[in-house]
C-alpha atoms as a PDB file:
ATOM      1  CA  MET A   1      -3.749   8.246 -32.112  1.00  0.00           C
ATOM      2  CA  ALA A   2      -2.731   9.724 -28.776  1.00  0.00           C
ATOM      3  CA  GLU A   3      -3.397   7.782 -25.611  1.00  0.00           C
ATOM      4  CA  LYS A   4      -6.044   9.123 -23.281  1.00  0.00           C
ATOM      5  CA  ARG A   5      -4.433  10.269 -20.042  1.00  0.00           C
ATOM      6  CA  SER A   6      -5.999  11.348 -16.758  1.00  0.00           C
ATOM      7  CA  LEU A   7      -5.084  14.323 -14.589  1.00  0.00           C
ATOM      8  CA  SER A   8      -2.269  12.256 -13.059  1.00  0.00           C
ATOM      9  CA  GLY A   9      -0.748  11.726 -16.497  1.00  0.00           C
ATOM     10  CA  LEU A  10      -1.243   7.948 -16.365  1.00  0.00           C
ATOM     11  CA  THR A  11      -3.059   5.839 -18.879  1.00  0.00           C
ATOM     12  CA  GLU A  12      -5.788   3.488 -17.679  1.00  0.00           C
ATOM     13  CA  GLU A  13      -3.428   0.493 -17.802  1.00  0.00           C
ATOM     14  CA  GLU A  14      -0.699   2.365 -15.910  1.00  0.00           C
ATOM     15  CA  ALA A  15      -3.189   3.477 -13.278  1.00  0.00           C
ATOM     16  CA  VAL A  16      -4.429  -0.095 -12.745  1.00  0.00           C
ATOM     17  CA  GLU A  17      -0.855  -1.379 -12.495  1.00  0.00           C
ATOM     18  CA  PHE A  18       0.069   1.339  -9.999  1.00  0.00           C
ATOM     19  CA  HIS A  19      -3.038   0.652  -7.923  1.00  0.00           C
ATOM     20  CA  ASP A  20      -2.313  -3.075  -7.771  1.00  0.00           C
ATOM     21  CA  GLN A  21       1.257  -2.419  -6.606  1.00  0.00           C
ATOM     22  CA  PHE A  22       0.048   0.158  -4.078  1.00  0.00           C
ATOM     23  CA  LYS A  23      -2.455  -2.314  -2.593  1.00  0.00           C
ATOM     24  CA  THR A  24       0.255  -4.967  -2.269  1.00  0.00           C
ATOM     25  CA  THR A  25       2.814  -2.731  -0.564  1.00  0.00           C
ATOM     26  CA  PHE A  26       0.236  -1.043   1.667  1.00  0.00           C
ATOM     27  CA  SER A  27      -1.089  -4.411   2.827  1.00  0.00           C
ATOM     28  CA  ALA A  28       2.445  -5.591   3.591  1.00  0.00           C
ATOM     29  CA  PHE A  29       3.082  -2.404   5.573  1.00  0.00           C
ATOM     30  CA  LEU A  30      -0.112  -2.882   7.587  1.00  0.00           C
ATOM     31  CA  ILE A  31       0.750  -6.490   8.387  1.00  0.00           C
ATOM     32  CA  ILE A  32       4.277  -5.570   9.504  1.00  0.00           C
ATOM     33  CA  ALA A  33       2.937  -2.709  11.636  1.00  0.00           C
ATOM     34  CA  ALA A  34       0.299  -4.959  13.253  1.00  0.00           C
ATOM     35  CA  VAL A  35       2.887  -7.633  14.055  1.00  0.00           C
ATOM     36  CA  ALA A  36       5.199  -4.995  15.542  1.00  0.00           C
ATOM     37  CA  HIS A  37       2.386  -3.654  17.721  1.00  0.00           C
ATOM     38  CA  VAL A  38       1.493  -7.140  18.964  1.00  0.00           C
ATOM     39  CA  LEU A  39       5.139  -7.907  19.763  1.00  0.00           C
ATOM     40  CA  VAL A  40       5.534  -4.681  21.735  1.00  0.00           C
ATOM     41  CA  TRP A  41       2.276  -5.381  23.567  1.00  0.00           C
ATOM     42  CA  VAL A  42       3.486  -8.892  24.479  1.00  0.00           C
ATOM     43  CA  TRP A  43       6.847  -7.493  25.598  1.00  0.00           C
ATOM     44  CA  LYS A  44       5.455  -4.626  27.716  1.00  0.00           C
ATOM     45  CA  PRO A  45       1.640  -4.515  27.957  1.00  0.00           C
ATOM     46  CA  TRP A  46       1.697  -1.137  29.693  1.00  0.00           C
ATOM     47  CA  PHE A  47       3.642   0.536  26.866  1.00  0.00           C
END
């Protein structure tokens, strides 16, 4: 029997796996960006 796929072409399991990875990498990006902003603010508050 063929697997049910969504409009993206992913199965339910693939979509869940992709979403979990996306959440992890996006959270890491946000943390790095926040730390960079704080460091720049500490270095030059007027920037």
